Amino acid sequence: MTAEERERLGYLCERIQVEQAPQTFDELVMELNELLEQNQQRINRAQANSSREN
């Protein structure tokens, strides 16, 4: 995860904790999920590449 992504992750978590508007809360959670999914995909690709090299 890049420094920018970690910063965005922290920001989203902070906002989600205090958000009162249901629609905004849902949007923040969706953005957080997208960020986490992108990171998981990078991890999976790196692991697949690593296993191919061995």
C-alpha atoms as a PDB file:
ATOM      1  CA  MET A   1       0.000   0.000   0.000  1.00  0.00           C
ATOM      2  CA  THR A   2       1.402   3.381  -0.926  1.00  0.00           C
ATOM      3  CA  ALA A   3       1.769   6.217   1.546  1.00  0.00           C
ATOM      4  CA  GLU A   4      -1.112   8.017  -0.154  1.00  0.00           C
ATOM      5  CA  GLU A   5      -3.306   4.945   0.114  1.00  0.00           C
ATOM      6  CA  ARG A   6      -2.482   4.512   3.805  1.00  0.00           C
ATOM      7  CA  GLU A   7      -3.325   8.167   4.383  1.00  0.00           C
ATOM      8  CA  ARG A   8      -6.636   7.768   2.536  1.00  0.00           C
ATOM      9  CA  LEU A   9      -7.355   4.589   4.508  1.00  0.00           C
ATOM     10  CA  GLY A  10      -6.884   6.452   7.789  1.00  0.00           C
ATOM     11  CA  TYR A  11      -9.017   9.342   6.615  1.00  0.00           C
ATOM     12  CA  LEU A  12     -11.841   7.049   5.522  1.00  0.00           C
ATOM     13  CA  CYS A  13     -11.775   5.117   8.802  1.00  0.00           C
ATOM     14  CA  GLU A  14     -11.952   8.326  10.810  1.00  0.00           C
ATOM     15  CA  ARG A  15     -14.842   9.653   8.739  1.00  0.00           C
ATOM     16  CA  ILE A  16     -16.751   6.369   8.894  1.00  0.00           C
ATOM     17  CA  GLN A  17     -16.521   6.358  12.695  1.00  0.00           C
ATOM     18  CA  VAL A  18     -18.308   9.696  13.033  1.00  0.00           C
ATOM     19  CA  GLU A  19     -20.494   9.921   9.932  1.00  0.00           C
ATOM     20  CA  GLN A  20     -24.187  10.341  10.723  1.00  0.00           C
ATOM     21  CA  ALA A  21     -25.693  10.613   7.233  1.00  0.00           C
ATOM     22  CA  PRO A  22     -26.541   7.118   5.966  1.00  0.00           C
ATOM     23  CA  GLN A  23     -25.835   7.877   2.301  1.00  0.00           C
ATOM     24  CA  THR A  24     -22.473   9.483   3.035  1.00  0.00           C
ATOM     25  CA  PHE A  25     -21.598   6.609   5.359  1.00  0.00           C
ATOM     26  CA  ASP A  26     -22.390   4.111   2.595  1.00  0.00           C
ATOM     27  CA  GLU A  27     -20.275   6.049   0.090  1.00  0.00           C
ATOM     28  CA  LEU A  28     -17.324   6.146   2.479  1.00  0.00           C
ATOM     29  CA  VAL A  29     -17.607   2.414   3.180  1.00  0.00           C
ATOM     30  CA  MET A  30     -17.761   1.661  -0.555  1.00  0.00           C
ATOM     31  CA  GLU A  31     -14.632   3.744  -1.143  1.00  0.00           C
ATOM     32  CA  LEU A  32     -12.877   1.961   1.723  1.00  0.00           C
ATOM     33  CA  ASN A  33     -13.867  -1.412   0.281  1.00  0.00           C
ATOM     34  CA  GLU A  34     -12.514  -0.411  -3.140  1.00  0.00           C
ATOM     35  CA  LEU A  35      -9.219   0.679  -1.621  1.00  0.00           C
ATOM     36  CA  LEU A  36      -8.890  -2.576   0.321  1.00  0.00           C
ATOM     37  CA  GLU A  37      -9.843  -4.648  -2.733  1.00  0.00           C
ATOM     38  CA  GLN A  38      -7.194  -2.912  -4.862  1.00  0.00           C
ATOM     39  CA  ASN A  39      -4.609  -3.644  -2.205  1.00  0.00           C
ATOM     40  CA  GLN A  40      -5.675  -7.300  -1.975  1.00  0.00           C
ATOM     41  CA  GLN A  41      -5.433  -7.657  -5.747  1.00  0.00           C
ATOM     42  CA  ARG A  42      -1.868  -6.286  -5.670  1.00  0.00           C
ATOM     43  CA  ILE A  43      -0.961  -8.748  -2.914  1.00  0.00           C
ATOM     44  CA  ASN A  44      -2.477 -11.641  -4.867  1.00  0.00           C
ATOM     45  CA  ARG A  45      -0.569 -10.669  -8.024  1.00  0.00           C
ATOM     46  CA  ALA A  46       2.688 -10.386  -6.088  1.00  0.00           C
ATOM     47  CA  GLN A  47       2.144 -13.792  -4.500  1.00  0.00           C
ATOM     48  CA  ALA A  48       1.302 -15.352  -7.865  1.00  0.00           C
ATOM     49  CA  ASN A  49       4.428 -13.847  -9.406  1.00  0.00           C
ATOM     50  CA  SER A  50       6.520 -15.038  -6.502  1.00  0.00           C
ATOM     51  CA  SER A  51       5.208 -18.590  -6.727  1.00  0.00           C
ATOM     52  CA  ARG A  52       5.944 -18.685 -10.469  1.00  0.00           C
ATOM     53  CA  GLU A  53       9.541 -17.673  -9.831  1.00  0.00           C
ATOM     54  CA  ASN A  54      10.092 -20.533  -7.362  1.00  0.00           C
END
